[in-house]
Protein backbone atom coordinates (compact mmCIF):
# COMPACT_ATOMS: atom_id res chain seq x y z
CA ARG A 1 17.73 -40.39 -7.88
CA ILE A 2 17.27 -38.99 -4.37
CA ILE A 3 17.83 -35.49 -5.70
CA LEU A 4 15.19 -35.90 -8.39
CA LYS A 5 12.66 -37.49 -6.07
CA HIS A 6 13.04 -35.49 -2.86
CA LEU A 7 15.09 -32.36 -3.44
CA PHE A 8 13.70 -30.87 -6.66
CA PRO A 9 10.01 -31.06 -5.71
CA ASN A 10 10.77 -29.02 -2.58
CA CYS A 11 13.31 -26.58 -4.08
CA ILE A 12 11.79 -25.55 -7.39
CA PRO A 13 8.55 -24.05 -5.98
CA MET A 14 10.47 -22.07 -3.37
CA LEU A 15 12.85 -20.81 -6.04
CA ILE A 16 9.91 -19.63 -8.15
CA VAL A 17 8.38 -17.85 -5.15
CA SER A 18 11.71 -16.27 -4.21
CA ILE A 19 12.18 -14.89 -7.71
CA THR A 20 8.60 -13.60 -7.78
CA LEU A 21 9.05 -11.83 -4.45
CA GLY A 22 12.41 -10.39 -5.54
CA ILE A 23 11.04 -8.60 -8.59
CA PRO A 24 9.33 -5.77 -6.58
CA GLY A 25 12.64 -4.95 -4.91
CA ALA A 26 14.30 -4.66 -8.29
CA ILE A 27 11.50 -2.41 -9.56
CA LEU A 28 11.76 -0.13 -6.54
CA SER A 29 15.56 -0.02 -6.78
CA GLU A 30 15.46 0.93 -10.45
CA ALA A 31 12.80 3.58 -9.88
CA SER A 32 14.64 5.14 -6.95
CA LEU A 33 18.00 5.14 -8.76
CA SER A 34 16.51 6.72 -11.86
CA TYR A 35 14.70 9.26 -9.65
CA LEU A 36 18.09 10.26 -8.29
CA GLY A 37 19.52 10.45 -11.81
CA LEU A 38 21.63 7.31 -11.52
CA GLY A 39 19.40 5.02 -13.58
CA VAL A 40 18.84 4.59 -17.29
CA PRO A 41 19.86 7.44 -19.64
CA SER A 42 17.38 10.24 -20.24
CA PRO A 43 15.74 9.33 -23.57
CA LYS A 44 14.64 5.93 -22.23
CA PRO A 45 11.45 5.96 -20.15
CA SER A 46 11.57 5.07 -16.48
CA TRP A 47 9.00 5.64 -13.77
CA GLY A 48 11.58 7.19 -11.45
CA SER A 49 12.81 9.65 -14.07
CA MET A 50 9.19 10.52 -14.94
CA ILE A 51 8.56 11.44 -11.31
CA ALA A 52 11.82 13.41 -11.11
CA GLU A 53 11.03 15.37 -14.29
CA SER A 54 7.51 16.18 -13.08
CA GLN A 55 8.67 17.87 -9.86
CA ASP A 56 8.61 21.28 -11.54
CA PHE A 57 4.91 20.89 -12.34
CA ILE A 58 3.70 19.29 -9.10
CA ARG A 59 1.80 22.37 -7.92
CA SER A 60 0.01 23.02 -11.19
CA ASN A 61 -0.50 19.46 -12.50
CA THR A 62 -0.16 16.78 -9.87
CA TYR A 63 -1.13 14.11 -12.40
CA TYR A 64 2.31 14.23 -14.01
CA SER A 65 3.86 12.64 -10.94
CA LEU A 66 0.77 10.84 -9.65
CA PHE A 67 0.38 8.33 -12.47
CA PRO A 68 3.98 7.03 -12.53
CA GLY A 69 3.83 6.69 -8.75
CA LEU A 70 0.56 4.78 -8.94
CA CYS A 71 2.02 2.51 -11.62
CA ILE A 72 4.93 1.68 -9.32
CA ILE A 73 2.60 0.95 -6.41
CA VAL A 74 0.21 -1.21 -8.46
CA THR A 75 3.02 -3.19 -10.09
CA VAL A 76 4.85 -3.85 -6.81
CA MET A 77 1.64 -4.87 -5.05
CA ALA A 78 0.68 -7.17 -7.94
CA PHE A 79 4.01 -8.98 -7.82
CA ASN A 80 3.84 -9.24 -4.01
CA MET A 81 0.35 -10.73 -4.11
CA MET A 82 1.33 -13.09 -6.91
CA GLY A 83 4.32 -14.24 -4.86
CA ASP A 84 2.16 -14.78 -1.79
CA GLY A 85 -0.37 -16.74 -3.83
CA LEU A 86 2.34 -18.89 -5.37
CA ARG A 87 3.83 -19.51 -1.94
CA ASP A 88 0.46 -20.62 -0.59
CA ALA A 89 -0.15 -22.85 -3.61
CA LEU A 90 3.29 -24.42 -3.88
CA ASP A 91 4.56 -24.75 -0.29
CA PRO A 92 4.59 -28.44 0.69
CA LYS A 93 4.31 -27.64 4.41
CA LEU A 94 1.10 -25.69 3.85
CA ARG A 95 -0.31 -28.50 1.71
CA ILE A 96 0.34 -30.99 4.51
CA SER A 97 -1.33 -28.76 7.11
CA ARG A 98 -4.39 -28.36 4.85
CA GLY A 99 -4.56 -32.12 4.39
CA GLU A 100 -4.01 -32.14 0.63
CA LEU A 101 -1.11 -34.60 0.66
């Protein structure tokens, strides 16, 4: 009963925030490994492999490598901001300091 009343309300929100803030690291790891050729096999699309394959055309068409890079940046920033927002909304210590509890 103590676990259900005191432990879960404080652990579950932090677990959700931790998972949300861990996703950008996984995205960057996958993109960098596939950029180096150690990621998913070639026929499957990956932002890192798209950037690696567009290196030959970077002087003539920079858009080939620009758009996958921008997609990585936007996705990572979106997950980071979502994690920060969830942390602000779900952290019990912040709710106490704001006077909501």
